[in-house]
N, C-alpha and C. Protein backbone atom coordinates (compact mmCIF):
# COMPACT_ATOMS: atom_id res chain seq x y z
N UNK A 1 11.96 -7.17 84.09
CA UNK A 1 12.44 -6.91 85.42
C UNK A 1 11.40 -6.04 86.14
N UNK A 2 11.14 -6.35 87.39
CA UNK A 2 10.13 -5.61 88.12
C UNK A 2 10.62 -4.21 88.47
N UNK A 3 9.68 -3.35 88.78
CA UNK A 3 10.00 -1.96 89.07
C UNK A 3 10.90 -1.83 90.30
N UNK A 4 10.61 -2.59 91.34
CA UNK A 4 11.42 -2.49 92.55
C UNK A 4 12.84 -3.00 92.30
N UNK A 5 12.99 -3.99 91.45
CA UNK A 5 14.32 -4.50 91.13
C UNK A 5 15.12 -3.46 90.35
N UNK A 6 14.45 -2.74 89.45
CA UNK A 6 15.13 -1.67 88.72
C UNK A 6 15.60 -0.57 89.67
N UNK A 7 14.76 -0.23 90.61
CA UNK A 7 15.12 0.81 91.57
C UNK A 7 16.34 0.38 92.38
N UNK A 8 16.37 -0.87 92.80
CA UNK A 8 17.50 -1.37 93.57
C UNK A 8 18.77 -1.33 92.72
N UNK A 9 18.68 -1.72 91.45
CA UNK A 9 19.85 -1.68 90.57
C UNK A 9 20.33 -0.24 90.35
N UNK A 10 19.41 0.68 90.14
CA UNK A 10 19.79 2.08 89.95
C UNK A 10 20.45 2.64 91.22
N UNK A 11 19.89 2.32 92.36
CA UNK A 11 20.45 2.79 93.63
C UNK A 11 21.84 2.19 93.87
N UNK A 12 21.99 0.90 93.60
CA UNK A 12 23.29 0.25 93.77
C UNK A 12 24.33 0.84 92.82
N UNK A 13 23.94 1.12 91.59
CA UNK A 13 24.86 1.72 90.63
C UNK A 13 25.25 3.12 91.06
N UNK A 14 24.29 3.89 91.54
CA UNK A 14 24.56 5.24 92.00
C UNK A 14 25.53 5.22 93.19
N UNK A 15 25.34 4.31 94.13
CA UNK A 15 26.24 4.19 95.29
C UNK A 15 27.63 3.77 94.83
N UNK A 16 27.70 2.86 93.86
CA UNK A 16 28.99 2.42 93.32
C UNK A 16 29.74 3.60 92.69
N UNK A 17 29.05 4.41 91.89
CA UNK A 17 29.67 5.58 91.27
C UNK A 17 30.15 6.55 92.34
N UNK A 18 29.35 6.76 93.36
CA UNK A 18 29.71 7.67 94.44
C UNK A 18 30.93 7.18 95.20
N UNK A 19 31.02 5.89 95.48
CA UNK A 19 32.17 5.32 96.19
C UNK A 19 33.44 5.45 95.35
N UNK A 20 33.34 5.12 94.06
CA UNK A 20 34.51 5.24 93.17
C UNK A 20 34.96 6.69 93.07
N UNK A 21 34.01 7.60 92.91
CA UNK A 21 34.34 9.02 92.80
C UNK A 21 35.02 9.51 94.08
N UNK A 22 34.49 9.13 95.23
CA UNK A 22 35.08 9.55 96.50
C UNK A 22 36.48 8.98 96.67
N UNK A 23 36.67 7.71 96.35
CA UNK A 23 37.98 7.08 96.51
C UNK A 23 39.03 7.73 95.60
N UNK A 24 38.68 7.94 94.35
CA UNK A 24 39.63 8.55 93.42
C UNK A 24 39.92 9.98 93.83
N UNK A 25 38.91 10.71 94.28
CA UNK A 25 39.11 12.10 94.70
C UNK A 25 40.03 12.20 95.90
N UNK A 26 39.95 11.23 96.80
CA UNK A 26 40.82 11.25 97.98
C UNK A 26 42.22 10.73 97.68
N UNK A 27 42.37 9.85 96.69
CA UNK A 27 43.67 9.26 96.38
C UNK A 27 44.56 10.16 95.52
N UNK A 28 43.99 10.91 94.62
CA UNK A 28 44.79 11.75 93.73
C UNK A 28 45.10 13.09 94.39
N UNK A 29 46.26 13.66 93.99
CA UNK A 29 46.65 14.96 94.54
C UNK A 29 45.73 16.06 94.03
N UNK A 30 45.49 17.03 94.90
CA UNK A 30 44.65 18.16 94.54
C UNK A 30 45.31 18.96 93.42
N UNK A 31 44.53 19.29 92.40
CA UNK A 31 45.01 20.09 91.28
C UNK A 31 45.70 19.30 90.19
N UNK A 32 45.77 17.97 90.31
CA UNK A 32 46.44 17.18 89.27
C UNK A 32 45.56 17.11 88.02
N UNK A 33 46.23 16.96 86.89
CA UNK A 33 45.49 16.87 85.62
C UNK A 33 44.61 15.63 85.57
N UNK A 34 45.09 14.54 86.15
CA UNK A 34 44.31 13.31 86.16
C UNK A 34 43.02 13.48 86.97
N UNK A 35 43.12 14.19 88.09
CA UNK A 35 41.93 14.44 88.91
C UNK A 35 40.94 15.32 88.16
N UNK A 36 41.45 16.33 87.46
CA UNK A 36 40.57 17.20 86.67
C UNK A 36 39.87 16.42 85.56
N UNK A 37 40.62 15.56 84.87
CA UNK A 37 40.03 14.76 83.80
C UNK A 37 38.98 13.80 84.35
N UNK A 38 39.29 13.18 85.48
CA UNK A 38 38.33 12.26 86.11
C UNK A 38 37.06 13.01 86.52
N UNK A 39 37.21 14.19 87.09
CA UNK A 39 36.04 14.99 87.47
C UNK A 39 35.19 15.37 86.28
N UNK A 40 35.84 15.72 85.17
CA UNK A 40 35.09 16.06 83.96
C UNK A 40 34.32 14.87 83.41
N UNK A 41 34.93 13.70 83.45
CA UNK A 41 34.26 12.49 82.97
C UNK A 41 33.05 12.17 83.84
N UNK A 42 33.21 12.28 85.15
CA UNK A 42 32.10 11.99 86.06
C UNK A 42 30.97 13.00 85.86
N UNK A 43 31.33 14.26 85.60
CA UNK A 43 30.30 15.27 85.36
C UNK A 43 29.52 14.99 84.09
N UNK A 44 30.07 14.25 83.17
CA UNK A 44 29.33 13.84 81.97
C UNK A 44 28.49 12.59 82.24
N UNK A 45 28.97 11.71 83.12
CA UNK A 45 28.26 10.46 83.40
C UNK A 45 27.03 10.70 84.26
N UNK A 46 27.12 11.59 85.23
CA UNK A 46 26.02 11.80 86.18
C UNK A 46 24.73 12.25 85.48
N UNK A 47 24.77 13.23 84.55
CA UNK A 47 23.52 13.58 83.87
C UNK A 47 22.96 12.43 83.03
N UNK A 48 23.83 11.63 82.43
CA UNK A 48 23.34 10.48 81.67
C UNK A 48 22.65 9.47 82.58
N UNK A 49 23.19 9.30 83.77
CA UNK A 49 22.59 8.41 84.75
C UNK A 49 21.23 8.97 85.20
N UNK A 50 21.16 10.27 85.39
CA UNK A 50 19.88 10.89 85.76
C UNK A 50 18.86 10.73 84.64
N UNK A 51 19.31 10.84 83.40
CA UNK A 51 18.41 10.65 82.25
C UNK A 51 17.90 9.21 82.20
N UNK A 52 18.77 8.26 82.53
CA UNK A 52 18.34 6.86 82.56
C UNK A 52 17.25 6.68 83.62
N UNK A 53 17.39 7.35 84.75
CA UNK A 53 16.35 7.29 85.77
C UNK A 53 15.03 7.87 85.29
N UNK A 54 15.11 8.97 84.54
CA UNK A 54 13.89 9.55 83.98
C UNK A 54 13.20 8.57 83.03
N UNK A 55 13.99 7.91 82.21
CA UNK A 55 13.41 6.98 81.24
C UNK A 55 12.83 5.74 81.91
N UNK A 56 13.42 5.32 83.02
CA UNK A 56 12.87 4.17 83.74
C UNK A 56 11.50 4.50 84.35
N UNK A 57 11.26 5.79 84.61
CA UNK A 57 9.98 6.19 85.18
C UNK A 57 8.87 6.26 84.14
N UNK A 58 9.24 6.27 82.88
CA UNK A 58 8.24 6.38 81.82
C UNK A 58 7.55 5.02 81.64
N UNK A 59 6.24 5.01 81.77
CA UNK A 59 5.51 3.75 81.70
C UNK A 59 4.99 3.41 80.32
N UNK A 60 4.43 4.38 79.60
CA UNK A 60 3.86 4.09 78.29
C UNK A 60 4.62 4.84 77.20
N UNK A 61 4.34 4.54 75.96
CA UNK A 61 5.11 5.08 74.83
C UNK A 61 5.06 6.61 74.72
N UNK A 62 3.89 7.25 74.76
CA UNK A 62 3.89 8.72 74.65
C UNK A 62 4.62 9.39 75.81
N UNK A 63 4.47 8.83 77.01
CA UNK A 63 5.16 9.39 78.15
C UNK A 63 6.66 9.15 78.04
N UNK A 64 7.06 8.02 77.52
CA UNK A 64 8.48 7.72 77.33
C UNK A 64 9.10 8.71 76.35
N UNK A 65 8.38 9.04 75.30
CA UNK A 65 8.89 10.01 74.33
C UNK A 65 9.06 11.38 74.98
N UNK A 66 8.10 11.78 75.81
CA UNK A 66 8.21 13.05 76.52
C UNK A 66 9.41 13.04 77.45
N UNK A 67 9.60 11.96 78.19
CA UNK A 67 10.74 11.86 79.10
C UNK A 67 12.05 11.87 78.33
N UNK A 68 12.09 11.18 77.19
CA UNK A 68 13.31 11.14 76.39
C UNK A 68 13.68 12.53 75.90
N UNK A 69 12.71 13.26 75.38
CA UNK A 69 12.99 14.61 74.90
C UNK A 69 13.38 15.54 76.04
N UNK A 70 12.72 15.41 77.17
CA UNK A 70 13.05 16.24 78.33
C UNK A 70 14.46 15.92 78.84
N UNK A 71 14.80 14.64 78.88
CA UNK A 71 16.13 14.24 79.34
C UNK A 71 17.20 14.74 78.38
N UNK A 72 16.96 14.66 77.08
CA UNK A 72 17.93 15.15 76.10
C UNK A 72 18.11 16.66 76.23
N UNK A 73 17.02 17.36 76.48
CA UNK A 73 17.10 18.82 76.64
C UNK A 73 17.95 19.17 77.85
N UNK A 74 17.75 18.47 78.96
CA UNK A 74 18.53 18.73 80.16
C UNK A 74 20.00 18.40 79.95
N UNK A 75 20.28 17.32 79.24
CA UNK A 75 21.67 16.92 78.98
C UNK A 75 22.36 17.97 78.13
N UNK A 76 21.71 18.42 77.07
CA UNK A 76 22.32 19.44 76.22
C UNK A 76 22.51 20.76 76.97
N UNK A 77 21.56 21.09 77.82
CA UNK A 77 21.69 22.32 78.60
C UNK A 77 22.86 22.23 79.57
N UNK A 78 23.04 21.08 80.21
CA UNK A 78 24.14 20.92 81.16
C UNK A 78 25.48 20.93 80.43
N UNK A 79 25.55 20.38 79.23
CA UNK A 79 26.79 20.44 78.45
C UNK A 79 27.12 21.86 78.04
N UNK A 80 26.09 22.64 77.71
CA UNK A 80 26.28 24.02 77.33
C UNK A 80 26.79 24.83 78.52
N UNK A 81 26.30 24.55 79.72
CA UNK A 81 26.75 25.29 80.91
C UNK A 81 28.20 25.00 81.23
N UNK A 82 28.67 23.78 80.98
CA UNK A 82 30.06 23.43 81.29
C UNK A 82 31.04 24.08 80.32
N UNK A 83 30.61 24.43 79.13
CA UNK A 83 31.54 24.96 78.14
C UNK A 83 31.80 26.44 78.35
N UNK A 84 31.05 27.10 79.22
CA UNK A 84 31.21 28.54 79.43
C UNK A 84 32.38 28.80 80.34
C-alpha cells in the first residue's frame, strides 16, 4: 500500500473514532458508569492508535525498531499516569 493511501486510512480511522466518541459522549448521561467505562476504553485505544502512526512512519528496520521501542515506552508511561 502506498504511503499516501496509508495516511488516508489513518486519517479516516481517526475521524471515525472521533465521531463515535463524540456521539456516545453526547448520548449517555453525564456521570454514568457506562460513560466512564467507554471513556477509559477510548483512553487506552488512542495511544495505541498513535503508536501505530509512529510505526507507519518507520521506513527501514533499525528505524522501525527505534520507533517500536519509543512507542512502547510512551504507552507504558501513559498507562502508569492513568493508574495514579
